[in-house]
Amino acid sequence: MFELMFAGIFSPAWFAAFTSIILLDLMFSGDNAIMIAMASRNLPVRLRTRAIVLGGIGAVIIRITCTLFATGLLAAPGLKFIGGAALLVIAVKLIADNHGAGGSDEDKERYSKPTTLGSAIRTILIADFIMSIDNILGLAGIANTMSEGKWGLIICGLLVSIPIVLFGAQLFLLILLKVPALLYLGACIMGYTAAQLMTEDLKFGHYLAPFAEPLEIIFVLGVWGLGWYLTHKKA
């Protein structure tokens, strides 16, 4: 079975497909890295790196499983719409849980909602799965062009995404700690991604597609506005 899984690996066609997957990872991993940094920001310093590593590796394992066994399910009508709605809730929650982000260290200690390692990893896994649907479907599409080495291509491609996501999350976390107001920017990116998911949904997308741009603006402003409201209400 092992030989069958990796048959045809390292052929010119395999390398061409692998290069396409790396480019796909680079394009789709940026917002995932931002989300992971946001989810881990409110943890104690000693737990932030652990949350990023465990959440990132767990997310990649979920991607591998879904790509190998559940690609058809990911293309099911209505899934992207539901995922987009869930992503909006997560984006607002990340702002609300860090609603001392724009203040002093004393404000952060006083107002920010405590975050546990388990809850941060859970948020990372759920949000990363939702935000990776397009990436998984695209990767599976590229892999299906190969007559041999398909599974090896999928696994190698997803393993490459681990350092991309983890490095990106660490980098954005450092920036976020220096400029806490960027938390709102990250949440707005998630709102924009949610709009894209909904307009691409197989069941509801054709109703929403003509309003794609207004919907993106509404979701971005809605996440920012509701997050701002919850921030000041709790403060």
Protein backbone atom coordinates (compact mmCIF):
# COMPACT_ATOMS: atom_id res chain seq x y z
CA MET A 1 0.00 0.00 0.00
CA PHE A 2 2.87 2.33 0.83
CA GLU A 3 4.37 1.80 -2.60
CA LEU A 4 0.99 2.48 -4.24
CA MET A 5 0.52 5.69 -2.25
CA PHE A 6 3.88 7.12 -3.31
CA ALA A 7 4.12 5.65 -6.81
CA GLY A 8 5.13 8.24 -9.39
CA ILE A 9 6.44 10.63 -6.74
CA PHE A 10 9.19 13.11 -7.76
CA SER A 11 8.36 12.82 -11.45
CA PRO A 12 8.34 16.09 -13.50
CA ALA A 13 4.53 16.10 -13.50
CA TRP A 14 4.52 15.51 -9.74
CA PHE A 15 6.88 18.44 -9.12
CA ALA A 16 4.74 20.69 -11.33
CA ALA A 17 1.63 19.81 -9.31
CA PHE A 18 3.57 20.18 -6.04
CA THR A 19 4.66 23.69 -7.04
CA SER A 20 1.02 24.61 -7.71
CA ILE A 21 0.06 23.33 -4.26
CA ILE A 22 2.80 25.42 -2.58
CA LEU A 23 1.52 28.53 -4.37
CA LEU A 24 -2.00 27.61 -3.23
CA ASP A 25 -0.76 27.29 0.37
CA LEU A 26 0.92 30.69 0.20
CA MET A 27 -2.24 32.33 -1.15
CA PHE A 28 -4.67 30.77 1.32
CA SER A 29 -2.58 30.47 4.50
CA GLY A 30 -2.27 34.17 5.30
CA ASP A 31 -5.71 34.67 6.81
CA ASN A 32 -5.40 31.34 8.67
CA ALA A 33 -2.16 32.55 10.27
CA ILE A 34 -3.81 35.82 11.30
CA MET A 35 -6.73 33.93 12.87
CA ILE A 36 -4.39 31.62 14.83
CA ALA A 37 -2.46 34.62 16.18
CA MET A 38 -5.71 36.33 17.23
CA ALA A 39 -6.98 33.20 18.99
CA SER A 40 -3.74 32.77 20.97
CA ARG A 41 -3.08 36.43 21.76
CA ASN A 42 -5.04 36.48 25.02
CA LEU A 43 -3.27 33.44 26.46
CA PRO A 44 -0.48 33.73 29.05
CA VAL A 45 2.87 34.25 27.36
CA ARG A 46 4.09 30.74 28.22
CA LEU A 47 1.10 29.16 26.44
CA ARG A 48 0.97 31.22 23.24
CA THR A 49 3.57 29.27 21.29
CA ARG A 50 2.10 25.98 22.49
CA ALA A 51 -1.37 27.01 21.26
CA ILE A 52 0.02 28.07 17.87
CA VAL A 53 1.97 24.84 17.40
CA LEU A 54 -0.73 22.45 18.65
CA GLY A 55 -3.52 24.33 16.88
CA GLY A 56 -1.54 24.60 13.65
CA ILE A 57 -0.57 20.92 13.59
CA GLY A 58 -4.10 19.87 14.50
CA ALA A 59 -5.49 22.03 11.70
CA VAL A 60 -3.15 20.45 9.16
CA ILE A 61 -4.15 16.94 10.33
CA ILE A 62 -7.80 17.90 9.80
CA ARG A 63 -6.93 19.19 6.31
CA ILE A 64 -5.16 15.94 5.41
CA THR A 65 -8.12 13.86 6.64
CA CYS A 66 -10.66 16.00 4.80
CA THR A 67 -8.62 16.06 1.60
CA LEU A 68 -8.18 12.29 1.56
CA PHE A 69 -11.61 11.18 2.69
CA ALA A 70 -14.15 14.00 2.75
CA THR A 71 -13.60 16.16 -0.34
CA GLY A 72 -17.11 15.35 -1.59
CA LEU A 73 -18.60 16.41 1.75
CA LEU A 74 -16.73 19.73 1.63
CA ALA A 75 -18.39 20.45 -1.73
CA ALA A 76 -21.86 19.77 -0.30
CA PRO A 77 -24.48 22.48 -0.96
CA GLY A 78 -24.97 24.79 1.99
CA LEU A 79 -21.69 23.97 3.75
CA LYS A 80 -19.87 27.14 2.71
CA PHE A 81 -22.89 29.26 3.69
CA ILE A 82 -23.00 27.68 7.16
CA GLY A 83 -19.23 27.96 7.47
CA GLY A 84 -19.33 31.66 6.53
CA ALA A 85 -21.98 32.36 9.16
CA ALA A 86 -19.94 30.50 11.80
CA LEU A 87 -16.84 32.46 10.80
CA LEU A 88 -18.67 35.74 11.42
CA VAL A 89 -19.53 34.60 14.94
CA ILE A 90 -15.92 33.56 15.60
CA ALA A 91 -14.60 36.90 14.30
CA VAL A 92 -16.85 38.90 16.61
CA LYS A 93 -16.05 36.57 19.52
CA LEU A 94 -12.31 37.06 19.05
CA ILE A 95 -12.77 40.82 19.33
CA ALA A 96 -15.07 40.49 22.35
CA ASP A 97 -12.67 38.13 24.14
CA ASN A 98 -9.83 40.63 23.61
CA HIS A 99 -11.80 43.80 24.20
CA GLY A 100 -8.95 45.38 26.17
CA ALA A 101 -6.76 45.16 23.09
CA GLY A 102 -6.56 48.83 22.38
CA GLY A 103 -5.86 49.99 25.93
CA SER A 104 -3.05 49.93 28.44
CA ASP A 105 -1.66 46.78 30.05
CA GLU A 106 -3.85 47.52 33.08
CA ASP A 107 -6.92 47.72 30.85
CA LYS A 108 -6.04 44.43 29.20
CA GLU A 109 -5.70 42.73 32.57
CA ARG A 110 -8.94 44.27 33.80
CA TYR A 111 -11.19 43.84 30.78
CA SER A 112 -9.87 40.99 28.60
CA LYS A 113 -11.69 37.70 28.99
CA PRO A 114 -9.39 34.91 30.24
CA THR A 115 -8.58 32.35 27.57
CA THR A 116 -7.61 28.74 28.24
CA LEU A 117 -5.28 26.69 26.08
CA GLY A 118 -8.10 24.29 25.25
CA SER A 119 -10.53 27.01 24.15
CA ALA A 120 -7.87 28.72 22.03
CA ILE A 121 -6.98 25.45 20.25
CA ARG A 122 -10.68 24.67 19.75
CA THR A 123 -11.24 28.09 18.16
CA ILE A 124 -8.18 27.60 15.94
CA LEU A 125 -9.32 24.17 14.73
CA ILE A 126 -12.90 25.24 13.95
CA ALA A 127 -12.00 28.52 12.27
CA ASP A 128 -9.08 27.03 10.34
CA PHE A 129 -11.28 24.24 9.01
CA ILE A 130 -13.87 26.75 7.79
CA MET A 131 -11.27 29.06 6.25
CA SER A 132 -9.46 26.14 4.60
CA ILE A 133 -12.42 24.71 2.64
CA ASP A 134 -11.33 26.42 -0.58
CA ASN A 135 -7.72 25.40 0.01
CA ILE A 136 -8.68 21.76 0.56
CA LEU A 137 -10.90 21.64 -2.52
CA GLY A 138 -8.23 23.33 -4.63
CA LEU A 139 -5.54 20.95 -3.40
CA ALA A 140 -7.73 17.93 -4.09
CA GLY A 141 -8.44 19.27 -7.58
CA ILE A 142 -4.72 19.58 -8.36
CA ALA A 143 -4.01 16.12 -6.91
CA ASN A 144 -6.76 14.56 -9.04
CA THR A 145 -4.83 15.54 -12.17
CA MET A 146 -2.18 12.97 -11.21
CA SER A 147 -2.63 9.35 -12.25
CA GLU A 148 0.09 8.27 -9.78
CA GLY A 149 1.42 9.71 -6.55
CA LYS A 150 -1.87 11.45 -5.66
CA TRP A 151 -1.83 10.66 -1.96
CA GLY A 152 1.87 11.41 -1.60
CA LEU A 153 1.29 14.76 -3.32
CA ILE A 154 -1.59 15.62 -0.96
CA ILE A 155 0.35 14.69 2.18
CA CYS A 156 3.56 16.48 1.10
CA GLY A 157 1.60 19.57 0.08
CA LEU A 158 -0.22 19.79 3.39
CA LEU A 159 2.94 19.15 5.40
CA VAL A 160 4.54 22.13 3.65
CA SER A 161 1.65 24.27 4.90
CA ILE A 162 2.66 23.61 8.54
CA PRO A 163 5.75 25.89 8.62
CA ILE A 164 3.97 28.47 6.44
CA VAL A 165 1.03 28.76 8.86
CA LEU A 166 3.11 28.50 12.05
CA PHE A 167 5.69 31.07 10.95
CA GLY A 168 2.97 33.41 9.73
CA ALA A 169 1.06 33.08 13.00
CA GLN A 170 4.16 33.80 15.10
CA LEU A 171 4.99 36.82 12.95
CA PHE A 172 1.49 38.29 13.10
CA LEU A 173 1.31 37.63 16.86
CA LEU A 174 4.46 39.72 17.38
CA ILE A 175 2.95 42.52 15.28
CA LEU A 176 -0.39 42.20 17.08
CA LEU A 177 1.26 42.55 20.49
CA LYS A 178 2.98 45.74 19.31
CA VAL A 179 -0.09 47.15 17.54
CA PRO A 180 -3.17 45.70 19.34
CA ALA A 181 -5.61 47.66 17.17
CA LEU A 182 -4.74 45.28 14.31
CA LEU A 183 -7.03 42.80 16.06
CA TYR A 184 -9.89 44.59 14.33
CA LEU A 185 -8.16 44.27 10.97
CA GLY A 186 -7.76 40.53 11.45
CA ALA A 187 -11.45 40.18 12.38
CA CYS A 188 -12.45 42.21 9.33
CA ILE A 189 -10.40 39.88 7.11
CA MET A 190 -12.36 36.98 8.57
CA GLY A 191 -15.59 38.85 7.81
CA TYR A 192 -14.45 39.33 4.22
CA THR A 193 -13.61 35.62 3.96
CA ALA A 194 -17.05 34.76 5.34
CA ALA A 195 -18.71 36.80 2.57
CA GLN A 196 -16.63 35.03 -0.07
CA LEU A 197 -17.58 31.62 1.30
CA MET A 198 -21.27 32.45 1.30
CA THR A 199 -21.29 33.82 -2.24
CA GLU A 200 -19.48 30.69 -3.49
CA ASP A 201 -21.88 28.26 -1.82
CA LEU A 202 -23.46 25.74 -4.21
CA LYS A 203 -26.95 26.12 -2.74
CA PHE A 204 -27.26 29.80 -1.83
CA GLY A 205 -24.34 31.32 -3.72
CA HIS A 206 -26.28 32.11 -6.91
CA TYR A 207 -28.69 34.22 -4.85
CA LEU A 208 -25.88 36.13 -3.13
CA ALA A 209 -23.32 36.37 -5.95
CA PRO A 210 -24.90 39.49 -7.58
CA PHE A 211 -24.49 41.25 -4.22
CA ALA A 212 -20.97 39.95 -3.51
CA GLU A 213 -19.23 43.33 -3.16
CA PRO A 214 -21.93 44.99 -0.99
CA LEU A 215 -22.04 41.82 1.14
CA GLU A 216 -18.28 41.92 1.67
CA ILE A 217 -18.49 45.55 2.78
CA ILE A 218 -21.46 44.85 5.06
CA PHE A 219 -19.75 41.90 6.72
CA VAL A 220 -16.47 43.77 7.21
CA LEU A 221 -18.22 46.80 8.70
CA GLY A 222 -20.59 44.57 10.66
CA VAL A 223 -17.78 42.61 12.31
CA TRP A 224 -15.90 45.82 13.11
CA GLY A 225 -19.01 47.64 14.36
CA LEU A 226 -20.37 44.79 16.48
CA GLY A 227 -16.92 44.11 17.88
CA TRP A 228 -16.51 47.80 18.75
CA TYR A 229 -19.95 47.85 20.39
CA LEU A 230 -19.25 44.76 22.52
CA THR A 231 -15.83 46.16 23.44
CA HIS A 232 -17.23 49.41 24.80
CA LYS A 233 -20.31 47.79 26.33
CA LYS A 234 -18.22 45.40 28.43
CA ALA A 235 -15.63 48.06 29.24
